[in-house]
Amino acid sequence: MYLNLENGIPSHDTFRRLFMILDPEKIFRSFY
């Protein structure tokens, strides 16, 4: 099933903002 992205694919700036707010330590711990 595909995502319905009404406004199109997010730009690289959008992904950058997302990754800036993520805590790498929490992500790492979620896998272990």
PDB file of N, CA and C in Angstrom:
ATOM      1  N   MET A   1       0.841  -1.172   0.000  1.00  0.00           N
ATOM      2  CA  MET A   1       0.000   0.000   0.000  1.00  0.00           C
ATOM      3  C   MET A   1       0.890   1.241   0.000  1.00  0.00           C
ATOM      4  N   TYR A   2       0.509   2.213  -0.761  1.00  0.00           N
ATOM      5  CA  TYR A   2       1.285   3.442  -0.888  1.00  0.00           C
ATOM      6  C   TYR A   2       0.685   4.548  -0.032  1.00  0.00           C
ATOM      7  N   LEU A   3       1.532   5.480   0.354  1.00  0.00           N
ATOM      8  CA  LEU A   3       1.057   6.640   1.105  1.00  0.00           C
ATOM      9  C   LEU A   3       0.370   7.621   0.175  1.00  0.00           C
ATOM     10  N   ASN A   4      -0.684   8.227   0.660  1.00  0.00           N
ATOM     11  CA  ASN A   4      -1.353   9.275  -0.098  1.00  0.00           C
ATOM     12  C   ASN A   4      -0.786  10.611   0.372  1.00  0.00           C
ATOM     13  N   LEU A   5       0.178  11.132  -0.360  1.00  0.00           N
ATOM     14  CA  LEU A   5       0.816  12.398   0.003  1.00  0.00           C
ATOM     15  C   LEU A   5       0.156  13.510  -0.800  1.00  0.00           C
ATOM     16  N   GLU A   6      -0.850  14.138  -0.192  1.00  0.00           N
ATOM     17  CA  GLU A   6      -1.636  15.146  -0.901  1.00  0.00           C
ATOM     18  C   GLU A   6      -0.795  16.327  -1.372  1.00  0.00           C
ATOM     19  N   ASN A   7       0.264  16.657  -0.632  1.00  0.00           N
ATOM     20  CA  ASN A   7       1.113  17.801  -0.983  1.00  0.00           C
ATOM     21  C   ASN A   7       2.412  17.375  -1.653  1.00  0.00           C
ATOM     22  N   GLY A   8       2.503  16.115  -2.065  1.00  0.00           N
ATOM     23  CA  GLY A   8       3.706  15.626  -2.723  1.00  0.00           C
ATOM     24  C   GLY A   8       4.732  15.098  -1.733  1.00  0.00           C
ATOM     25  N   ILE A   9       5.879  14.748  -2.253  1.00  0.00           N
ATOM     26  CA  ILE A   9       6.962  14.203  -1.439  1.00  0.00           C
ATOM     27  C   ILE A   9       7.583  15.329  -0.616  1.00  0.00           C
ATOM     28  N   PRO A  10       7.816  15.099   0.693  1.00  0.00           N
ATOM     29  CA  PRO A  10       8.439  16.138   1.515  1.00  0.00           C
ATOM     30  C   PRO A  10       9.835  16.491   0.996  1.00  0.00           C
ATOM     31  N   SER A  11      10.207  17.740   1.150  1.00  0.00           N
ATOM     32  CA  SER A  11      11.517  18.196   0.685  1.00  0.00           C
ATOM     33  C   SER A  11      12.617  17.736   1.635  1.00  0.00           C
ATOM     34  N   HIS A  12      13.855  17.884   1.193  1.00  0.00           N
ATOM     35  CA  HIS A  12      14.976  17.515   2.048  1.00  0.00           C
ATOM     36  C   HIS A  12      15.020  18.394   3.294  1.00  0.00           C
ATOM     37  N   ASP A  13      14.518  19.616   3.209  1.00  0.00           N
ATOM     38  CA  ASP A  13      14.471  20.491   4.388  1.00  0.00           C
ATOM     39  C   ASP A  13      13.528  19.932   5.449  1.00  0.00           C
ATOM     40  N   THR A  14      12.423  19.365   5.014  1.00  0.00           N
ATOM     41  CA  THR A  14      11.473  18.766   5.949  1.00  0.00           C
ATOM     42  C   THR A  14      12.114  17.598   6.673  1.00  0.00           C
ATOM     43  N   PHE A  15      12.800  16.730   5.928  1.00  0.00           N
ATOM     44  CA  PHE A  15      13.479  15.601   6.553  1.00  0.00           C
ATOM     45  C   PHE A  15      14.582  16.083   7.492  1.00  0.00           C
ATOM     46  N   ARG A  16      15.285  17.134   7.120  1.00  0.00           N
ATOM     47  CA  ARG A  16      16.341  17.684   7.966  1.00  0.00           C
ATOM     48  C   ARG A  16      15.771  18.151   9.302  1.00  0.00           C
ATOM     49  N   ARG A  17      14.652  18.879   9.260  1.00  0.00           N
ATOM     50  CA  ARG A  17      14.023  19.348  10.498  1.00  0.00           C
ATOM     51  C   ARG A  17      13.588  18.180  11.372  1.00  0.00           C
ATOM     52  N   LEU A  18      13.073  17.134  10.753  1.00  0.00           N
ATOM     53  CA  LEU A  18      12.662  15.953  11.504  1.00  0.00           C
ATOM     54  C   LEU A  18      13.857  15.318  12.202  1.00  0.00           C
ATOM     55  N   PHE A  19      14.946  15.100  11.456  1.00  0.00           N
ATOM     56  CA  PHE A  19      16.108  14.445  12.034  1.00  0.00           C
ATOM     57  C   PHE A  19      16.808  15.308  13.076  1.00  0.00           C
ATOM     58  N   MET A  20      16.655  16.617  12.996  1.00  0.00           N
ATOM     59  CA  MET A  20      17.259  17.510  13.991  1.00  0.00           C
ATOM     60  C   MET A  20      16.582  17.365  15.359  1.00  0.00           C
ATOM     61  N   ILE A  21      15.284  17.022  15.384  1.00  0.00           N
ATOM     62  CA  ILE A  21      14.587  16.920  16.662  1.00  0.00           C
ATOM     63  C   ILE A  21      14.646  15.520  17.263  1.00  0.00           C
ATOM     64  N   LEU A  22      15.063  14.533  16.461  1.00  0.00           N
ATOM     65  CA  LEU A  22      15.162  13.173  16.980  1.00  0.00           C
ATOM     66  C   LEU A  22      16.385  13.030  17.875  1.00  0.00           C
ATOM     67  N   ASP A  23      16.227  12.263  18.940  1.00  0.00           N
ATOM     68  CA  ASP A  23      17.329  12.006  19.865  1.00  0.00           C
ATOM     69  C   ASP A  23      18.011  10.696  19.458  1.00  0.00           C
ATOM     70  N   PRO A  24      19.241  10.753  18.954  1.00  0.00           N
ATOM     71  CA  PRO A  24      19.917   9.537  18.476  1.00  0.00           C
ATOM     72  C   PRO A  24      20.033   8.453  19.548  1.00  0.00           C
ATOM     73  N   GLU A  25      20.238   8.848  20.786  1.00  0.00           N
ATOM     74  CA  GLU A  25      20.374   7.869  21.872  1.00  0.00           C
ATOM     75  C   GLU A  25      19.072   7.092  22.069  1.00  0.00           C
ATOM     76  N   LYS A  26      17.955   7.762  22.022  1.00  0.00           N
ATOM     77  CA  LYS A  26      16.661   7.083  22.179  1.00  0.00           C
ATOM     78  C   LYS A  26      16.391   6.140  21.014  1.00  0.00           C
ATOM     79  N   ILE A  27      16.750   6.547  19.830  1.00  0.00           N
ATOM     80  CA  ILE A  27      16.563   5.681  18.663  1.00  0.00           C
ATOM     81  C   ILE A  27      17.444   4.449  18.790  1.00  0.00           C
ATOM     82  N   PHE A  28      18.685   4.644  19.183  1.00  0.00           N
ATOM     83  CA  PHE A  28      19.615   3.528  19.352  1.00  0.00           C
ATOM     84  C   PHE A  28      19.080   2.541  20.385  1.00  0.00           C
ATOM     85  N   ARG A  29      18.591   3.061  21.528  1.00  0.00           N
ATOM     86  CA  ARG A  29      18.080   2.189  22.588  1.00  0.00           C
ATOM     87  C   ARG A  29      16.816   1.451  22.160  1.00  0.00           C
ATOM     88  N   SER A  30      16.054   2.006  21.246  1.00  0.00           N
ATOM     89  CA  SER A  30      14.821   1.336  20.820  1.00  0.00           C
ATOM     90  C   SER A  30      15.113   0.053  20.041  1.00  0.00           C
ATOM     91  N   PHE A  31      16.317  -0.071  19.499  1.00  0.00           N
ATOM     92  CA  PHE A  31      16.683  -1.265  18.755  1.00  0.00           C
ATOM     93  C   PHE A  31      17.320  -2.335  19.632  1.00  0.00           C
ATOM     94  N   TYR A  32      17.691  -1.969  20.875  1.00  0.00           N
ATOM     95  CA  TYR A  32      18.361  -2.934  21.759  1.00  0.00           C
ATOM     96  C   TYR A  32      17.708  -3.020  23.100  1.00  0.00           C
TER      97      TYR A  32
END
